[in-house]
Amino acid sequence: MARITSIGNQASASLAARLGMKDWQVDRARRDLTGWNETSLGMAVGRRAGGCRGQGRVA
């Protein structure tokens, strides 16, 4: 999703080819990104990444 939002408005077919995705995946990601901007998406990814630290470790 971050890759799609950072590239901008290209046709789904050309963007899919550029990213190694299918057209429908680009269309789905664009629908899912409705209401998000680069800042809010970055914050969400950063929070999620920060929340994963330490998981899976045995104390």
PDB file of N, CA and C in Angstrom:
ATOM      1  N   MET A   1       0.826  -1.176   0.000  1.00  0.00           N
ATOM      2  CA  MET A   1       0.000   0.000   0.000  1.00  0.00           C
ATOM      3  C   MET A   1       0.874   1.245   0.000  1.00  0.00           C
ATOM      4  N   ALA A   2       1.941   1.219   0.754  1.00  0.00           N
ATOM      5  CA  ALA A   2       2.825   2.379   0.800  1.00  0.00           C
ATOM      6  C   ALA A   2       3.467   2.625  -0.561  1.00  0.00           C
ATOM      7  N   ARG A   3       3.803   1.571  -1.261  1.00  0.00           N
ATOM      8  CA  ARG A   3       4.407   1.739  -2.586  1.00  0.00           C
ATOM      9  C   ARG A   3       3.413   2.369  -3.545  1.00  0.00           C
ATOM     10  N   ILE A   4       2.172   1.988  -3.454  1.00  0.00           N
ATOM     11  CA  ILE A   4       1.151   2.517  -4.356  1.00  0.00           C
ATOM     12  C   ILE A   4       0.870   3.978  -4.052  1.00  0.00           C
ATOM     13  N   THR A   5       0.770   4.331  -2.790  1.00  0.00           N
ATOM     14  CA  THR A   5       0.465   5.716  -2.444  1.00  0.00           C
ATOM     15  C   THR A   5       1.621   6.651  -2.770  1.00  0.00           C
ATOM     16  N   SER A   6       2.844   6.155  -2.731  1.00  0.00           N
ATOM     17  CA  SER A   6       3.990   7.025  -2.996  1.00  0.00           C
ATOM     18  C   SER A   6       4.204   7.285  -4.482  1.00  0.00           C
ATOM     19  N   ILE A   7       3.678   6.425  -5.348  1.00  0.00           N
ATOM     20  CA  ILE A   7       3.901   6.577  -6.788  1.00  0.00           C
ATOM     21  C   ILE A   7       2.922   7.541  -7.420  1.00  0.00           C
ATOM     22  N   GLY A   8       1.695   7.571  -6.953  1.00  0.00           N
ATOM     23  CA  GLY A   8       0.737   8.529  -7.493  1.00  0.00           C
ATOM     24  C   GLY A   8      -0.269   7.905  -8.434  1.00  0.00           C
ATOM     25  N   ASN A   9      -0.837   8.735  -9.288  1.00  0.00           N
ATOM     26  CA  ASN A   9      -1.936   8.315 -10.155  1.00  0.00           C
ATOM     27  C   ASN A   9      -1.438   7.865 -11.518  1.00  0.00           C
ATOM     28  N   GLN A  10      -1.179   6.604 -11.640  1.00  0.00           N
ATOM     29  CA  GLN A  10      -0.861   5.973 -12.916  1.00  0.00           C
ATOM     30  C   GLN A  10      -1.981   4.984 -13.201  1.00  0.00           C
ATOM     31  N   ALA A  11      -2.088   4.595 -14.441  1.00  0.00           N
ATOM     32  CA  ALA A  11      -3.058   3.567 -14.802  1.00  0.00           C
ATOM     33  C   ALA A  11      -2.735   2.283 -14.034  1.00  0.00           C
ATOM     34  N   SER A  12      -3.762   1.563 -13.638  1.00  0.00           N
ATOM     35  CA  SER A  12      -3.577   0.350 -12.845  1.00  0.00           C
ATOM     36  C   SER A  12      -2.661  -0.652 -13.539  1.00  0.00           C
ATOM     37  N   ALA A  13      -2.827  -0.818 -14.838  1.00  0.00           N
ATOM     38  CA  ALA A  13      -2.025  -1.809 -15.564  1.00  0.00           C
ATOM     39  C   ALA A  13      -0.545  -1.446 -15.553  1.00  0.00           C
ATOM     40  N   SER A  14      -0.216  -0.178 -15.794  1.00  0.00           N
ATOM     41  CA  SER A  14       1.197   0.207 -15.824  1.00  0.00           C
ATOM     42  C   SER A  14       1.804   0.188 -14.426  1.00  0.00           C
ATOM     43  N   LEU A  15       1.030   0.594 -13.424  1.00  0.00           N
ATOM     44  CA  LEU A  15       1.524   0.564 -12.055  1.00  0.00           C
ATOM     45  C   LEU A  15       1.727  -0.876 -11.592  1.00  0.00           C
ATOM     46  N   ALA A  16       0.796  -1.748 -11.937  1.00  0.00           N
ATOM     47  CA  ALA A  16       0.918  -3.162 -11.571  1.00  0.00           C
ATOM     48  C   ALA A  16       2.166  -3.774 -12.202  1.00  0.00           C
ATOM     49  N   ALA A  17       2.400  -3.473 -13.459  1.00  0.00           N
ATOM     50  CA  ALA A  17       3.586  -4.006 -14.135  1.00  0.00           C
ATOM     51  C   ALA A  17       4.858  -3.483 -13.484  1.00  0.00           C
ATOM     52  N   ARG A  18       4.861  -2.222 -13.131  1.00  0.00           N
ATOM     53  CA  ARG A  18       6.037  -1.605 -12.510  1.00  0.00           C
ATOM     54  C   ARG A  18       6.343  -2.220 -11.147  1.00  0.00           C
ATOM     55  N   LEU A  19       5.297  -2.568 -10.395  1.00  0.00           N
ATOM     56  CA  LEU A  19       5.474  -3.096  -9.044  1.00  0.00           C
ATOM     57  C   LEU A  19       5.474  -4.619  -8.977  1.00  0.00           C
ATOM     58  N   GLY A  20       5.251  -5.282 -10.115  1.00  0.00           N
ATOM     59  CA  GLY A  20       5.212  -6.739 -10.122  1.00  0.00           C
ATOM     60  C   GLY A  20       3.952  -7.284  -9.472  1.00  0.00           C
ATOM     61  N   MET A  21       2.841  -6.566  -9.669  1.00  0.00           N
ATOM     62  CA  MET A  21       1.566  -6.956  -9.084  1.00  0.00           C
ATOM     63  C   MET A  21       0.550  -7.192 -10.188  1.00  0.00           C
ATOM     64  N   LYS A  22      -0.619  -7.664  -9.811  1.00  0.00           N
ATOM     65  CA  LYS A  22      -1.749  -7.807 -10.731  1.00  0.00           C
ATOM     66  C   LYS A  22      -2.576  -6.529 -10.685  1.00  0.00           C
ATOM     67  N   ASP A  23      -3.308  -6.250 -11.780  1.00  0.00           N
ATOM     68  CA  ASP A  23      -4.154  -5.055 -11.840  1.00  0.00           C
ATOM     69  C   ASP A  23      -5.124  -4.988 -10.669  1.00  0.00           C
ATOM     70  N   TRP A  24      -5.756  -6.116 -10.340  1.00  0.00           N
ATOM     71  CA  TRP A  24      -6.761  -6.118  -9.287  1.00  0.00           C
ATOM     72  C   TRP A  24      -6.148  -5.814  -7.927  1.00  0.00           C
ATOM     73  N   GLN A  25      -4.877  -6.171  -7.727  1.00  0.00           N
ATOM     74  CA  GLN A  25      -4.225  -5.867  -6.456  1.00  0.00           C
ATOM     75  C   GLN A  25      -4.018  -4.365  -6.289  1.00  0.00           C
ATOM     76  N   VAL A  26      -3.664  -3.696  -7.380  1.00  0.00           N
ATOM     77  CA  VAL A  26      -3.502  -2.243  -7.353  1.00  0.00           C
ATOM     78  C   VAL A  26      -4.847  -1.586  -7.079  1.00  0.00           C
ATOM     79  N   ASP A  27      -5.892  -2.041  -7.773  1.00  0.00           N
ATOM     80  CA  ASP A  27      -7.227  -1.474  -7.569  1.00  0.00           C
ATOM     81  C   ASP A  27      -7.691  -1.678  -6.130  1.00  0.00           C
ATOM     82  N   ARG A  28      -7.443  -2.842  -5.571  1.00  0.00           N
ATOM     83  CA  ARG A  28      -7.848  -3.141  -4.192  1.00  0.00           C
ATOM     84  C   ARG A  28      -7.093  -2.252  -3.209  1.00  0.00           C
ATOM     85  N   ALA A  29      -5.796  -2.114  -3.421  1.00  0.00           N
ATOM     86  CA  ALA A  29      -4.999  -1.265  -2.531  1.00  0.00           C
ATOM     87  C   ALA A  29      -5.471   0.181  -2.596  1.00  0.00           C
ATOM     88  N   ARG A  30      -5.808   0.654  -3.788  1.00  0.00           N
ATOM     89  CA  ARG A  30      -6.308   2.023  -3.920  1.00  0.00           C
ATOM     90  C   ARG A  30      -7.615   2.200  -3.171  1.00  0.00           C
ATOM     91  N   ARG A  31      -8.500   1.213  -3.247  1.00  0.00           N
ATOM     92  CA  ARG A  31      -9.760   1.291  -2.484  1.00  0.00           C
ATOM     93  C   ARG A  31      -9.477   1.296  -0.982  1.00  0.00           C
ATOM     94  N   ASP A  32      -8.559   0.444  -0.551  1.00  0.00           N
ATOM     95  CA  ASP A  32      -8.224   0.356   0.866  1.00  0.00           C
ATOM     96  C   ASP A  32      -7.550   1.627   1.381  1.00  0.00           C
ATOM     97  N   LEU A  33      -6.907   2.373   0.491  1.00  0.00           N
ATOM     98  CA  LEU A  33      -6.201   3.587   0.888  1.00  0.00           C
ATOM     99  C   LEU A  33      -7.109   4.808   0.995  1.00  0.00           C
ATOM    100  N   THR A  34      -8.373   4.666   0.660  1.00  0.00           N
ATOM    101  CA  THR A  34      -9.298   5.792   0.756  1.00  0.00           C
ATOM    102  C   THR A  34      -9.314   6.312   2.189  1.00  0.00           C
ATOM    103  N   GLY A  35      -9.072   7.593   2.357  1.00  0.00           N
ATOM    104  CA  GLY A  35      -9.061   8.205   3.677  1.00  0.00           C
ATOM    105  C   GLY A  35      -7.683   8.271   4.324  1.00  0.00           C
ATOM    106  N   TRP A  36      -6.695   7.650   3.718  1.00  0.00           N
ATOM    107  CA  TRP A  36      -5.334   7.670   4.248  1.00  0.00           C
ATOM    108  C   TRP A  36      -4.493   8.660   3.449  1.00  0.00           C
ATOM    109  N   ASN A  37      -3.490   9.246   4.082  1.00  0.00           N
ATOM    110  CA  ASN A  37      -2.489  10.031   3.366  1.00  0.00           C
ATOM    111  C   ASN A  37      -1.119   9.473   3.740  1.00  0.00           C
ATOM    112  N   GLU A  38      -0.067  10.010   3.148  1.00  0.00           N
ATOM    113  CA  GLU A  38       1.267   9.455   3.400  1.00  0.00           C
ATOM    114  C   GLU A  38       1.656   9.543   4.871  1.00  0.00           C
ATOM    115  N   THR A  39       1.281  10.626   5.528  1.00  0.00           N
ATOM    116  CA  THR A  39       1.632  10.806   6.928  1.00  0.00           C
ATOM    117  C   THR A  39       0.927   9.792   7.821  1.00  0.00           C
ATOM    118  N   SER A  40      -0.388   9.663   7.654  1.00  0.00           N
ATOM    119  CA  SER A  40      -1.133   8.744   8.518  1.00  0.00           C
ATOM    120  C   SER A  40      -0.750   7.292   8.247  1.00  0.00           C
ATOM    121  N   LEU A  41      -0.490   6.952   7.001  1.00  0.00           N
ATOM    122  CA  LEU A  41      -0.067   5.595   6.671  1.00  0.00           C
ATOM    123  C   LEU A  41       1.305   5.302   7.279  1.00  0.00           C
ATOM    124  N   GLY A  42       2.206   6.266   7.186  1.00  0.00           N
ATOM    125  CA  GLY A  42       3.536   6.111   7.781  1.00  0.00           C
ATOM    126  C   GLY A  42       3.478   5.929   9.284  1.00  0.00           C
ATOM    127  N   MET A  43       2.597   6.699   9.932  1.00  0.00           N
ATOM    128  CA  MET A  43       2.443   6.565  11.385  1.00  0.00           C
ATOM    129  C   MET A  43       1.893   5.192  11.754  1.00  0.00           C
ATOM    130  N   ALA A  44       0.926   4.702  10.995  1.00  0.00           N
ATOM    131  CA  ALA A  44       0.341   3.387  11.274  1.00  0.00           C
ATOM    132  C   ALA A  44       1.371   2.280  11.103  1.00  0.00           C
ATOM    133  N   VAL A  45       2.159   2.360  10.045  1.00  0.00           N
ATOM    134  CA  VAL A  45       3.194   1.345   9.808  1.00  0.00           C
ATOM    135  C   VAL A  45       4.242   1.416  10.909  1.00  0.00           C
ATOM    136  N   GLY A  46       4.625   2.630  11.287  1.00  0.00           N
ATOM    137  CA  GLY A  46       5.622   2.801  12.345  1.00  0.00           C
ATOM    138  C   GLY A  46       5.141   2.269  13.681  1.00  0.00           C
ATOM    139  N   ARG A  47       3.880   2.514  14.003  1.00  0.00           N
ATOM    140  CA  ARG A  47       3.335   2.010  15.262  1.00  0.00           C
ATOM    141  C   ARG A  47       3.280   0.493  15.259  1.00  0.00           C
ATOM    142  N   ARG A  48       2.877  -0.066  14.129  1.00  0.00           N
ATOM    143  CA  ARG A  48       2.779  -1.527  14.034  1.00  0.00           C
ATOM    144  C   ARG A  48       4.164  -2.149  14.140  1.00  0.00           C
ATOM    145  N   ALA A  49       5.137  -1.561  13.486  1.00  0.00           N
ATOM    146  CA  ALA A  49       6.500  -2.088  13.541  1.00  0.00           C
ATOM    147  C   ALA A  49       7.053  -1.993  14.963  1.00  0.00           C
ATOM    148  N   GLY A  50       6.754  -0.894  15.644  1.00  0.00           N
ATOM    149  CA  GLY A  50       7.209  -0.729  17.016  1.00  0.00           C
ATOM    150  C   GLY A  50       6.553  -1.707  17.960  1.00  0.00           C
ATOM    151  N   GLY A  51       5.321  -2.095  17.662  1.00  0.00           N
ATOM    152  CA  GLY A  51       4.591  -3.033  18.512  1.00  0.00           C
ATOM    153  C   GLY A  51       5.049  -4.463  18.360  1.00  0.00           C
ATOM    154  N   CYS A  52       5.841  -4.750  17.332  1.00  0.00           N
ATOM    155  CA  CYS A  52       6.287  -6.128  17.082  1.00  0.00           C
ATOM    156  C   CYS A  52       7.609  -6.439  17.762  1.00  0.00           C
ATOM    157  N   ARG A  53       8.288  -5.453  18.251  1.00  0.00           N
ATOM    158  CA  ARG A  53       9.610  -5.685  18.842  1.00  0.00           C
ATOM    159  C   ARG A  53       9.514  -6.592  20.066  1.00  0.00           C
ATOM    160  N   GLY A  54      10.400  -7.545  20.096  1.00  0.00           N
ATOM    161  CA  GLY A  54      10.464  -8.416  21.247  1.00  0.00           C
ATOM    162  C   GLY A  54       9.543  -9.615  21.200  1.00  0.00           C
ATOM    163  N   GLN A  55       8.607  -9.633  20.276  1.00  0.00           N
ATOM    164  CA  GLN A  55       7.702 -10.771  20.204  1.00  0.00           C
ATOM    165  C   GLN A  55       8.458 -11.981  19.686  1.00  0.00           C
ATOM    166  N   GLY A  56       8.151 -13.107  20.231  1.00  0.00           N
ATOM    167  CA  GLY A  56       8.796 -14.332  19.778  1.00  0.00           C
ATOM    168  C   GLY A  56      10.044 -14.660  20.585  1.00  0.00           C
ATOM    169  N   ARG A  57      10.464 -13.776  21.440  1.00  0.00           N
ATOM    170  CA  ARG A  57      11.643 -14.050  22.277  1.00  0.00           C
ATOM    171  C   ARG A  57      11.227 -14.824  23.520  1.00  0.00           C
ATOM    172  N   VAL A  58      12.077 -15.710  23.908  1.00  0.00           N
ATOM    173  CA  VAL A  58      11.842 -16.467  25.130  1.00  0.00           C
ATOM    174  C   VAL A  58      12.683 -15.845  26.223  1.00  0.00           C
ATOM    175  N   ALA A  59      12.025 -15.488  27.338  1.00  0.00           N
ATOM    176  CA  ALA A  59      12.748 -14.823  28.434  1.00  0.00           C
ATOM    177  C   ALA A  59      13.459 -15.811  29.311  1.00  0.00           C
TER     178      ALA A  59
END
